[in-house]
Amino acid sequence: MQHLVYVHGFLSAPGSHKAQLTQQWLARYHPQIQYHCPHLSPYPQQAQQQLKDLMADLEGQQVGLVGSSLGGFWSTWLIEHYSGMNAVLINPSVRPFEFVSELVGETLNNYYTDDTYQMQPEHAGQLREAYPSELVDKSRYWVLVQTGDETLDYRQAVERYDGCHVTIEQGGDHGFQDYDRHLPDIIDFLFR
């Protein structure tokens, strides 16, 4: 069985626009692919454990990852720790420990739920520990960035994923405009 795991971004949720588009598109065009989008904690150790639990549940199955923003960071971590998967990263966060350090002590609100969070100094350290220092098999990644991303500098992703399949689109934004037009190619890449 094939499984697509959508890994949402920081302060996001399964109700995000791209997660919903992905789920609806799969239901229409590829109903045989099982869709998963866990509601990940913003706290790194908890998010890691949630992803480990999901990978344990899907062991022995064919899995493809789509990671948006911080979900791109976590998808990279998954690719480097579990074999046999491909990942499509959408405007991925490259060094999230840097922006989390700036948010310590602030009350943060989830964009899609009523949940609030407070990041602590150790959370930046946990993200730094999860950072894969090198990418072992660059053929397993397709990175999609838009230069108009107002949240993350797309050039960091281009540099980090040098040697991977990278698509740079002019303009756009952090939400990645017209994401759904890429879904047929995303499925081909993930399950080729």
C-alpha atoms as a PDB file:
ATOM      1  CA  MET A   1       0.000   0.000   0.000  1.00  0.00           C
ATOM      2  CA  GLN A   2       1.135   3.560  -0.741  1.00  0.00           C
ATOM      3  CA  HIS A   3       0.985   6.278   1.887  1.00  0.00           C
ATOM      4  CA  LEU A   4       1.450  10.025   1.517  1.00  0.00           C
ATOM      5  CA  VAL A   5       2.451  11.789   4.721  1.00  0.00           C
ATOM      6  CA  TYR A   6       1.875  15.537   4.662  1.00  0.00           C
ATOM      7  CA  VAL A   7       4.067  17.223   7.286  1.00  0.00           C
ATOM      8  CA  HIS A   8       2.662  20.665   8.069  1.00  0.00           C
ATOM      9  CA  GLY A   9       4.611  23.705   9.163  1.00  0.00           C
ATOM     10  CA  PHE A  10       5.185  25.563  12.415  1.00  0.00           C
ATOM     11  CA  LEU A  11       1.958  26.691  14.136  1.00  0.00           C
ATOM     12  CA  SER A  12       0.006  25.005  11.368  1.00  0.00           C
ATOM     13  CA  ALA A  13      -2.313  22.002  11.378  1.00  0.00           C
ATOM     14  CA  PRO A  14      -3.976  19.382   9.180  1.00  0.00           C
ATOM     15  CA  GLY A  15      -6.558  22.047   8.311  1.00  0.00           C
ATOM     16  CA  SER A  16      -4.011  24.147   6.437  1.00  0.00           C
ATOM     17  CA  HIS A  17      -4.760  25.082   2.837  1.00  0.00           C
ATOM     18  CA  LYS A  18      -2.076  22.893   1.201  1.00  0.00           C
ATOM     19  CA  ALA A  19      -2.813  19.936   3.467  1.00  0.00           C
ATOM     20  CA  GLN A  20      -6.505  20.145   2.529  1.00  0.00           C
ATOM     21  CA  LEU A  21      -5.726  20.551  -1.184  1.00  0.00           C
ATOM     22  CA  THR A  22      -3.483  17.488  -1.046  1.00  0.00           C
ATOM     23  CA  GLN A  23      -6.058  15.372   0.748  1.00  0.00           C
ATOM     24  CA  GLN A  24      -8.888  16.390  -1.604  1.00  0.00           C
ATOM     25  CA  TRP A  25      -6.779  15.912  -4.732  1.00  0.00           C
ATOM     26  CA  LEU A  26      -5.672  12.433  -3.628  1.00  0.00           C
ATOM     27  CA  ALA A  27      -9.251  11.431  -2.843  1.00  0.00           C
ATOM     28  CA  ARG A  28     -10.279  12.457  -6.354  1.00  0.00           C
ATOM     29  CA  TYR A  29      -7.358  11.231  -8.480  1.00  0.00           C
ATOM     30  CA  HIS A  30      -5.505   8.617  -6.387  1.00  0.00           C
ATOM     31  CA  PRO A  31      -7.924   7.160  -3.816  1.00  0.00           C
ATOM     32  CA  GLN A  32      -5.655   4.109  -3.478  1.00  0.00           C
ATOM     33  CA  ILE A  33      -3.003   6.286  -1.750  1.00  0.00           C
ATOM     34  CA  GLN A  34      -3.619   6.568   1.986  1.00  0.00           C
ATOM     35  CA  TYR A  35      -3.291  10.145   3.262  1.00  0.00           C
ATOM     36  CA  HIS A  36      -1.808  11.022   6.659  1.00  0.00           C
ATOM     37  CA  CYS A  37      -1.349  14.450   8.207  1.00  0.00           C
ATOM     38  CA  PRO A  38      -0.601  14.227  11.927  1.00  0.00           C
ATOM     39  CA  HIS A  39      -1.234  17.340  14.004  1.00  0.00           C
ATOM     40  CA  LEU A  40       2.358  17.883  15.054  1.00  0.00           C
ATOM     41  CA  SER A  41       3.397  19.576  18.247  1.00  0.00           C
ATOM     42  CA  PRO A  42       5.495  22.741  17.820  1.00  0.00           C
ATOM     43  CA  TYR A  43       7.783  21.294  20.500  1.00  0.00           C
ATOM     44  CA  PRO A  44      10.599  19.435  18.727  1.00  0.00           C
ATOM     45  CA  GLN A  45      10.939  16.329  20.892  1.00  0.00           C
ATOM     46  CA  GLN A  46       7.182  15.757  20.844  1.00  0.00           C
ATOM     47  CA  ALA A  47       7.011  16.262  17.068  1.00  0.00           C
ATOM     48  CA  GLN A  48       9.907  13.830  16.581  1.00  0.00           C
ATOM     49  CA  GLN A  49       8.146  11.216  18.689  1.00  0.00           C
ATOM     50  CA  GLN A  50       4.887  11.673  16.767  1.00  0.00           C
ATOM     51  CA  LEU A  51       6.757  11.154  13.484  1.00  0.00           C
ATOM     52  CA  LYS A  52       8.631   8.113  14.838  1.00  0.00           C
ATOM     53  CA  ASP A  53       5.329   6.581  15.948  1.00  0.00           C
ATOM     54  CA  LEU A  54       3.808   7.179  12.509  1.00  0.00           C
ATOM     55  CA  MET A  55       6.831   5.624  10.771  1.00  0.00           C
ATOM     56  CA  ALA A  56       6.534   2.591  13.053  1.00  0.00           C
ATOM     57  CA  ASP A  57       2.870   2.246  12.033  1.00  0.00           C
ATOM     58  CA  LEU A  58       3.809   2.465   8.336  1.00  0.00           C
ATOM     59  CA  GLU A  59       6.826   0.164   8.483  1.00  0.00           C
ATOM     60  CA  GLY A  60       7.102  -2.013   5.388  1.00  0.00           C
ATOM     61  CA  GLN A  61       4.778   0.248   3.353  1.00  0.00           C
ATOM     62  CA  GLN A  62       5.678   2.605   0.514  1.00  0.00           C
ATOM     63  CA  VAL A  63       5.732   6.132   1.971  1.00  0.00           C
ATOM     64  CA  GLY A  64       6.144   9.523   0.291  1.00  0.00           C
ATOM     65  CA  LEU A  65       6.547  12.780   2.188  1.00  0.00           C
ATOM     66  CA  VAL A  66       5.347  16.287   1.433  1.00  0.00           C
ATOM     67  CA  GLY A  67       6.737  18.812   3.901  1.00  0.00           C
ATOM     68  CA  SER A  68       5.842  22.489   4.025  1.00  0.00           C
ATOM     69  CA  SER A  69       7.989  25.071   5.847  1.00  0.00           C
ATOM     70  CA  LEU A  70       9.004  23.448   9.168  1.00  0.00           C
ATOM     71  CA  GLY A  71       7.466  20.283   7.738  1.00  0.00           C
ATOM     72  CA  GLY A  72      10.253  20.424   5.151  1.00  0.00           C
ATOM     73  CA  PHE A  73      12.797  20.341   7.967  1.00  0.00           C
ATOM     74  CA  TRP A  74      11.054  17.362   9.580  1.00  0.00           C
ATOM     75  CA  SER A  75      10.708  15.597   6.219  1.00  0.00           C
ATOM     76  CA  THR A  76      14.466  15.995   5.717  1.00  0.00           C
ATOM     77  CA  TRP A  77      15.037  14.512   9.162  1.00  0.00           C
ATOM     78  CA  LEU A  78      12.769  11.561   8.233  1.00  0.00           C
ATOM     79  CA  ILE A  79      14.519  10.960   4.880  1.00  0.00           C
ATOM     80  CA  GLU A  80      17.893  10.875   6.620  1.00  0.00           C
ATOM     81  CA  HIS A  81      16.684   8.433   9.307  1.00  0.00           C
ATOM     82  CA  TYR A  82      14.401   6.080   7.360  1.00  0.00           C
ATOM     83  CA  SER A  83      15.246   4.358   4.102  1.00  0.00           C
ATOM     84  CA  GLY A  84      13.232   4.024   0.930  1.00  0.00           C
ATOM     85  CA  MET A  85      11.271   7.287   0.941  1.00  0.00           C
ATOM     86  CA  ASN A  86      11.240  10.360  -1.266  1.00  0.00           C
ATOM     87  CA  ALA A  87      10.235  13.858  -0.137  1.00  0.00           C
ATOM     88  CA  VAL A  88       8.875  16.974  -1.779  1.00  0.00           C
ATOM     89  CA  LEU A  89       9.711  20.055   0.265  1.00  0.00           C
ATOM     90  CA  ILE A  90       7.607  23.212  -0.176  1.00  0.00           C
ATOM     91  CA  ASN A  91       9.365  26.453   0.874  1.00  0.00           C
ATOM     92  CA  PRO A  92      11.248  24.424   3.505  1.00  0.00           C
ATOM     93  CA  SER A  93      12.623  25.827   6.718  1.00  0.00           C
ATOM     94  CA  VAL A  94      16.347  25.108   6.637  1.00  0.00           C
ATOM     95  CA  ARG A  95      17.586  26.235  10.069  1.00  0.00           C
ATOM     96  CA  PRO A  96      14.459  26.537  12.236  1.00  0.00           C
ATOM     97  CA  PHE A  97      16.535  26.687  15.407  1.00  0.00           C
ATOM     98  CA  GLU A  98      17.448  30.261  14.395  1.00  0.00           C
ATOM     99  CA  PHE A  99      13.894  31.596  14.237  1.00  0.00           C
ATOM    100  CA  VAL A 100      12.758  29.576  17.272  1.00  0.00           C
ATOM    101  CA  SER A 101      15.515  31.249  19.315  1.00  0.00           C
ATOM    102  CA  GLU A 102      13.934  34.606  18.464  1.00  0.00           C
ATOM    103  CA  LEU A 103      10.494  33.437  19.669  1.00  0.00           C
ATOM    104  CA  VAL A 104      11.507  32.263  23.167  1.00  0.00           C
ATOM    105  CA  GLY A 105       9.092  33.535  25.790  1.00  0.00           C
ATOM    106  CA  GLU A 106       6.449  34.808  23.356  1.00  0.00           C
ATOM    107  CA  THR A 107       2.923  33.401  23.402  1.00  0.00           C
ATOM    108  CA  LEU A 108       2.335  31.865  19.975  1.00  0.00           C
ATOM    109  CA  ASN A 109      -1.033  30.983  18.473  1.00  0.00           C
ATOM    110  CA  ASN A 110      -1.714  28.148  16.071  1.00  0.00           C
ATOM    111  CA  TYR A 111      -3.051  29.543  12.795  1.00  0.00           C
ATOM    112  CA  TYR A 112      -5.832  26.918  12.565  1.00  0.00           C
ATOM    113  CA  THR A 113      -6.717  25.982  16.145  1.00  0.00           C
ATOM    114  CA  ASP A 114      -7.174  27.739  19.487  1.00  0.00           C
ATOM    115  CA  ASP A 115      -3.906  26.250  20.771  1.00  0.00           C
ATOM    116  CA  THR A 116      -1.241  28.527  22.256  1.00  0.00           C
ATOM    117  CA  TYR A 117       2.412  27.695  22.865  1.00  0.00           C
ATOM    118  CA  GLN A 118       5.539  29.109  24.447  1.00  0.00           C
ATOM    119  CA  MET A 119       8.908  28.202  23.053  1.00  0.00           C
ATOM    120  CA  GLN A 120      11.785  27.719  25.504  1.00  0.00           C
ATOM    121  CA  PRO A 121      15.554  27.944  24.906  1.00  0.00           C
ATOM    122  CA  GLU A 122      15.864  24.142  24.899  1.00  0.00           C
ATOM    123  CA  HIS A 123      13.522  23.905  21.894  1.00  0.00           C
ATOM    124  CA  ALA A 124      16.060  25.654  19.662  1.00  0.00           C
ATOM    125  CA  GLY A 125      18.703  23.209  20.919  1.00  0.00           C
ATOM    126  CA  GLN A 126      16.455  20.233  20.169  1.00  0.00           C
ATOM    127  CA  LEU A 127      15.933  21.455  16.608  1.00  0.00           C
ATOM    128  CA  ARG A 128      19.688  21.940  16.216  1.00  0.00           C
ATOM    129  CA  GLU A 129      20.227  18.331  17.377  1.00  0.00           C
ATOM    130  CA  ALA A 130      17.700  17.099  14.779  1.00  0.00           C
ATOM    131  CA  TYR A 131      19.452  18.973  11.942  1.00  0.00           C
ATOM    132  CA  PRO A 132      20.989  16.439   9.515  1.00  0.00           C
ATOM    133  CA  SER A 133      24.485  17.759   8.793  1.00  0.00           C
ATOM    134  CA  GLU A 134      24.542  16.217   5.327  1.00  0.00           C
ATOM    135  CA  LEU A 135      22.100  14.798   2.827  1.00  0.00           C
ATOM    136  CA  VAL A 136      23.096  11.219   2.025  1.00  0.00           C
ATOM    137  CA  ASP A 137      21.043  10.678  -1.149  1.00  0.00           C
ATOM    138  CA  LYS A 138      20.063  13.915  -2.870  1.00  0.00           C
ATOM    139  CA  SER A 139      18.001  12.078  -5.485  1.00  0.00           C
ATOM    140  CA  ARG A 140      15.345  11.527  -2.808  1.00  0.00           C
ATOM    141  CA  TYR A 141      14.472  15.243  -2.612  1.00  0.00           C
ATOM    142  CA  TRP A 142      12.488  17.638  -4.770  1.00  0.00           C
ATOM    143  CA  VAL A 143      12.471  21.181  -3.416  1.00  0.00           C
ATOM    144  CA  LEU A 144       9.906  23.751  -4.560  1.00  0.00           C
ATOM    145  CA  VAL A 145      10.518  27.380  -3.581  1.00  0.00           C
ATOM    146  CA  GLN A 146       8.998  30.692  -4.518  1.00  0.00           C
ATOM    147  CA  THR A 147      11.168  33.805  -4.429  1.00  0.00           C
ATOM    148  CA  GLY A 148       8.348  35.895  -2.945  1.00  0.00           C
ATOM    149  CA  ASP A 149       8.342  33.851   0.299  1.00  0.00           C
ATOM    150  CA  GLU A 150       7.843  36.546   2.943  1.00  0.00           C
ATOM    151  CA  THR A 151       8.673  34.233   5.863  1.00  0.00           C
ATOM    152  CA  LEU A 152      11.796  32.328   4.787  1.00  0.00           C
ATOM    153  CA  ASP A 153      14.680  33.247   2.498  1.00  0.00           C
ATOM    154  CA  TYR A 154      14.323  30.846  -0.424  1.00  0.00           C
ATOM    155  CA  ARG A 155      18.084  31.113  -1.100  1.00  0.00           C
ATOM    156  CA  GLN A 156      18.809  29.171   2.095  1.00  0.00           C
ATOM    157  CA  ALA A 157      16.830  26.225   0.712  1.00  0.00           C
ATOM    158  CA  VAL A 158      18.528  26.481  -2.692  1.00  0.00           C
ATOM    159  CA  GLU A 159      21.927  26.379  -0.967  1.00  0.00           C
ATOM    160  CA  ARG A 160      21.019  23.607   1.495  1.00  0.00           C
ATOM    161  CA  TYR A 161      19.559  21.335  -1.184  1.00  0.00           C
ATOM    162  CA  ASP A 162      22.216  22.021  -3.822  1.00  0.00           C
ATOM    163  CA  GLY A 163      22.474  18.906  -5.983  1.00  0.00           C
ATOM    164  CA  CYS A 164      18.844  17.929  -5.339  1.00  0.00           C
ATOM    165  CA  HIS A 165      16.024  18.504  -7.821  1.00  0.00           C
ATOM    166  CA  VAL A 166      15.127  22.146  -7.096  1.00  0.00           C
ATOM    167  CA  THR A 167      12.376  24.219  -8.722  1.00  0.00           C
ATOM    168  CA  ILE A 168      12.575  27.998  -8.221  1.00  0.00           C
ATOM    169  CA  GLU A 169       9.482  29.999  -9.133  1.00  0.00           C
ATOM    170  CA  GLN A 170       9.542  33.779  -9.309  1.00  0.00           C
ATOM    171  CA  GLY A 171       7.113  35.634  -7.048  1.00  0.00           C
ATOM    172  CA  GLY A 172       4.594  33.726  -4.989  1.00  0.00           C
ATOM    173  CA  ASP A 173       4.631  33.645  -1.203  1.00  0.00           C
ATOM    174  CA  HIS A 174       5.272  31.396   1.793  1.00  0.00           C
ATOM    175  CA  GLY A 175       1.990  29.576   1.207  1.00  0.00           C
ATOM    176  CA  PHE A 176       3.286  28.634  -2.269  1.00  0.00           C
ATOM    177  CA  GLN A 177       0.831  29.974  -4.813  1.00  0.00           C
ATOM    178  CA  ASP A 178      -0.813  27.451  -7.159  1.00  0.00           C
ATOM    179  CA  TYR A 179       0.679  24.515  -5.253  1.00  0.00           C
ATOM    180  CA  ASP A 180      -1.993  22.112  -6.496  1.00  0.00           C
ATOM    181  CA  ARG A 181      -0.838  22.366 -10.132  1.00  0.00           C
ATOM    182  CA  HIS A 182       2.272  20.452  -9.042  1.00  0.00           C
ATOM    183  CA  LEU A 183       0.379  17.565  -7.436  1.00  0.00           C
ATOM    184  CA  PRO A 184       0.486  15.193 -10.452  1.00  0.00           C
ATOM    185  CA  ASP A 185       4.283  15.584 -10.647  1.00  0.00           C
ATOM    186  CA  ILE A 186       4.607  15.350  -6.866  1.00  0.00           C
ATOM    187  CA  ILE A 187       2.859  11.969  -6.881  1.00  0.00           C
ATOM    188  CA  ASP A 188       5.065  10.769  -9.745  1.00  0.00           C
ATOM    189  CA  PHE A 189       8.190  11.829  -7.847  1.00  0.00           C
ATOM    190  CA  LEU A 190       7.133  10.287  -4.540  1.00  0.00           C
ATOM    191  CA  PHE A 191       6.016   6.934  -5.908  1.00  0.00           C
ATOM    192  CA  ARG A 192       8.167   6.499  -9.022  1.00  0.00           C
END
